Amino acid sequence: MTRQKTAVVADAMFDGDKLNQLWARQVLPLLVRHALAQTNVEYGPLSKEMGIPNERVSDLNTFAARK
């Protein structure tokens, strides 16, 4: 199989210091824990556990508070 000229190789998750790579390394053990426990994962609690603000959840809470 040949690679297309327009294909872009993704950066390795464990090698870089870009924000998405840092978050990927941080979230992986949490996702594995949930998988082993066979529990659901929701963005809001997961982002709080990681210490990452989740604008989508904040926006929804703000919207719900207005009604």
N, C-alpha and C. Protein backbone atom coordinates (compact mmCIF):
# COMPACT_ATOMS: atom_id res chain seq x y z
N MET A 1 0.84 -1.17 0.00
CA MET A 1 0.00 0.00 0.00
C MET A 1 0.89 1.24 0.00
N THR A 2 0.58 2.17 -0.86
CA THR A 2 1.38 3.39 -0.93
C THR A 2 0.66 4.54 -0.23
N ARG A 3 1.44 5.42 0.34
CA ARG A 3 0.88 6.57 1.04
C ARG A 3 0.59 7.68 0.04
N GLN A 4 -0.56 8.30 0.20
CA GLN A 4 -0.92 9.42 -0.65
C GLN A 4 -0.01 10.60 -0.35
N LYS A 5 0.22 11.44 -1.33
CA LYS A 5 1.08 12.60 -1.13
C LYS A 5 0.47 13.61 -0.17
N THR A 6 -0.85 13.60 -0.04
CA THR A 6 -1.51 14.57 0.85
C THR A 6 -1.66 14.06 2.27
N ALA A 7 -1.27 12.84 2.53
CA ALA A 7 -1.43 12.27 3.87
C ALA A 7 -0.51 12.99 4.85
N VAL A 8 -1.00 13.17 6.06
CA VAL A 8 -0.22 13.81 7.12
C VAL A 8 -0.03 12.79 8.23
N VAL A 9 1.19 12.60 8.66
CA VAL A 9 1.48 11.68 9.73
C VAL A 9 1.22 12.39 11.05
N ALA A 10 0.43 11.77 11.92
CA ALA A 10 0.10 12.36 13.21
C ALA A 10 1.31 12.33 14.13
N ASP A 11 1.39 13.32 15.01
CA ASP A 11 2.45 13.34 16.03
C ASP A 11 2.19 12.22 17.03
N ALA A 12 3.27 11.65 17.54
CA ALA A 12 3.15 10.58 18.52
C ALA A 12 2.61 11.14 19.84
N MET A 13 1.73 10.39 20.47
CA MET A 13 1.09 10.85 21.70
C MET A 13 2.09 10.99 22.84
N PHE A 14 3.07 10.12 22.91
CA PHE A 14 3.97 10.09 24.06
C PHE A 14 5.25 10.89 23.88
N ASP A 15 5.42 11.54 22.73
CA ASP A 15 6.70 12.21 22.47
C ASP A 15 6.65 13.72 22.57
N GLY A 16 5.50 14.33 22.44
CA GLY A 16 5.45 15.77 22.32
C GLY A 16 4.98 16.48 23.56
N ASP A 17 5.00 17.82 23.48
CA ASP A 17 4.53 18.63 24.59
C ASP A 17 3.41 19.57 24.16
N LYS A 18 2.73 19.22 23.05
CA LYS A 18 1.57 19.99 22.63
C LYS A 18 0.43 19.69 23.62
N LEU A 19 -0.48 20.65 23.74
CA LEU A 19 -1.55 20.52 24.73
C LEU A 19 -2.37 19.25 24.53
N ASN A 20 -2.72 18.94 23.29
CA ASN A 20 -3.52 17.74 23.06
C ASN A 20 -2.75 16.47 23.40
N GLN A 21 -1.43 16.47 23.23
CA GLN A 21 -0.62 15.31 23.60
C GLN A 21 -0.54 15.17 25.12
N LEU A 22 -0.41 16.29 25.82
CA LEU A 22 -0.38 16.26 27.29
C LEU A 22 -1.71 15.73 27.83
N TRP A 23 -2.82 16.23 27.27
CA TRP A 23 -4.13 15.78 27.71
C TRP A 23 -4.34 14.30 27.39
N ALA A 24 -3.86 13.85 26.25
CA ALA A 24 -4.01 12.44 25.88
C ALA A 24 -3.28 11.55 26.88
N ARG A 25 -2.07 11.95 27.25
CA ARG A 25 -1.32 11.16 28.24
C ARG A 25 -2.01 11.19 29.60
N GLN A 26 -2.63 12.31 29.93
CA GLN A 26 -3.30 12.45 31.22
C GLN A 26 -4.60 11.65 31.27
N VAL A 27 -5.33 11.61 30.18
CA VAL A 27 -6.65 10.97 30.19
C VAL A 27 -6.57 9.46 29.99
N LEU A 28 -5.52 8.95 29.39
CA LEU A 28 -5.44 7.53 29.08
C LEU A 28 -5.63 6.64 30.32
N PRO A 29 -4.92 6.88 31.42
CA PRO A 29 -5.15 6.02 32.60
C PRO A 29 -6.58 6.12 33.16
N LEU A 30 -7.18 7.30 33.05
CA LEU A 30 -8.54 7.47 33.54
C LEU A 30 -9.52 6.67 32.68
N LEU A 31 -9.32 6.69 31.37
CA LEU A 31 -10.18 5.92 30.47
C LEU A 31 -10.01 4.42 30.69
N VAL A 32 -8.77 4.00 30.93
CA VAL A 32 -8.52 2.58 31.20
C VAL A 32 -9.21 2.17 32.49
N ARG A 33 -9.13 3.02 33.52
CA ARG A 33 -9.79 2.74 34.79
C ARG A 33 -11.30 2.56 34.59
N HIS A 34 -11.91 3.46 33.83
CA HIS A 34 -13.35 3.36 33.56
C HIS A 34 -13.66 2.11 32.75
N ALA A 35 -12.81 1.78 31.80
CA ALA A 35 -13.05 0.59 30.98
C ALA A 35 -12.98 -0.68 31.84
N LEU A 36 -11.98 -0.75 32.71
CA LEU A 36 -11.85 -1.94 33.57
C LEU A 36 -13.02 -2.05 34.55
N ALA A 37 -13.50 -0.91 35.02
CA ALA A 37 -14.64 -0.90 35.94
C ALA A 37 -15.97 -1.00 35.21
N GLN A 38 -15.92 -0.93 33.88
CA GLN A 38 -17.11 -0.97 33.03
C GLN A 38 -18.12 0.10 33.43
N THR A 39 -17.59 1.32 33.62
CA THR A 39 -18.45 2.45 33.97
C THR A 39 -18.48 3.44 32.81
N ASN A 40 -19.54 4.22 32.77
CA ASN A 40 -19.68 5.23 31.73
C ASN A 40 -18.72 6.39 31.99
N VAL A 41 -18.34 7.05 30.91
CA VAL A 41 -17.48 8.22 30.99
C VAL A 41 -18.25 9.40 30.43
N GLU A 42 -18.32 10.49 31.20
CA GLU A 42 -18.97 11.70 30.73
C GLU A 42 -17.94 12.82 30.73
N TYR A 43 -18.08 13.74 29.76
CA TYR A 43 -17.08 14.80 29.60
C TYR A 43 -16.96 15.69 30.82
N GLY A 44 -18.08 16.07 31.42
CA GLY A 44 -18.05 17.00 32.55
C GLY A 44 -17.22 16.49 33.71
N PRO A 45 -17.56 15.34 34.29
CA PRO A 45 -16.78 14.80 35.40
C PRO A 45 -15.33 14.47 35.01
N LEU A 46 -15.16 14.00 33.78
CA LEU A 46 -13.81 13.67 33.32
C LEU A 46 -12.94 14.92 33.23
N SER A 47 -13.49 16.00 32.70
CA SER A 47 -12.71 17.23 32.59
C SER A 47 -12.39 17.79 33.97
N LYS A 48 -13.33 17.67 34.92
CA LYS A 48 -13.05 18.12 36.29
C LYS A 48 -11.94 17.29 36.92
N GLU A 49 -11.99 15.99 36.71
CA GLU A 49 -10.96 15.10 37.26
C GLU A 49 -9.58 15.42 36.69
N MET A 50 -9.55 15.87 35.44
CA MET A 50 -8.29 16.22 34.80
C MET A 50 -7.87 17.65 35.10
N GLY A 51 -8.80 18.44 35.65
CA GLY A 51 -8.50 19.84 35.92
C GLY A 51 -8.54 20.70 34.67
N ILE A 52 -9.32 20.27 33.69
CA ILE A 52 -9.43 20.97 32.43
C ILE A 52 -10.81 21.60 32.35
N PRO A 53 -10.89 22.90 32.09
CA PRO A 53 -12.22 23.50 31.95
C PRO A 53 -12.94 22.94 30.72
N ASN A 54 -14.20 22.67 30.88
CA ASN A 54 -15.00 22.13 29.79
C ASN A 54 -16.05 23.18 29.43
N GLU A 55 -15.76 23.96 28.41
CA GLU A 55 -16.63 25.05 28.02
C GLU A 55 -18.02 24.58 27.63
N ARG A 56 -18.11 23.42 27.01
CA ARG A 56 -19.42 22.91 26.59
C ARG A 56 -20.32 22.69 27.80
N VAL A 57 -19.76 22.08 28.84
CA VAL A 57 -20.54 21.83 30.04
C VAL A 57 -20.87 23.15 30.72
N SER A 58 -19.91 24.06 30.81
CA SER A 58 -20.15 25.37 31.43
C SER A 58 -21.23 26.13 30.68
N ASP A 59 -21.17 26.09 29.36
CA ASP A 59 -22.17 26.80 28.54
C ASP A 59 -23.56 26.20 28.77
N LEU A 60 -23.64 24.88 28.86
CA LEU A 60 -24.93 24.25 29.08
C LEU A 60 -25.49 24.60 30.45
N ASN A 61 -24.61 24.62 31.47
CA ASN A 61 -25.07 24.97 32.81
C ASN A 61 -25.54 26.42 32.85
N THR A 62 -24.82 27.31 32.18
CA THR A 62 -25.22 28.70 32.13
C THR A 62 -26.55 28.85 31.41
N PHE A 63 -26.71 28.12 30.32
CA PHE A 63 -27.95 28.16 29.56
C PHE A 63 -29.12 27.65 30.40
N ALA A 64 -28.91 26.54 31.10
CA ALA A 64 -29.96 25.94 31.93
C ALA A 64 -30.35 26.87 33.07
N ALA A 65 -29.38 27.59 33.61
CA ALA A 65 -29.66 28.50 34.72
C ALA A 65 -30.53 29.68 34.29
N ARG A 66 -30.45 30.05 33.04
CA ARG A 66 -31.24 31.18 32.52
C ARG A 66 -32.73 30.84 32.42
N LYS A 67 -33.04 29.58 32.25
CA LYS A 67 -34.45 29.19 32.03
C LYS A 67 -35.20 29.10 33.33
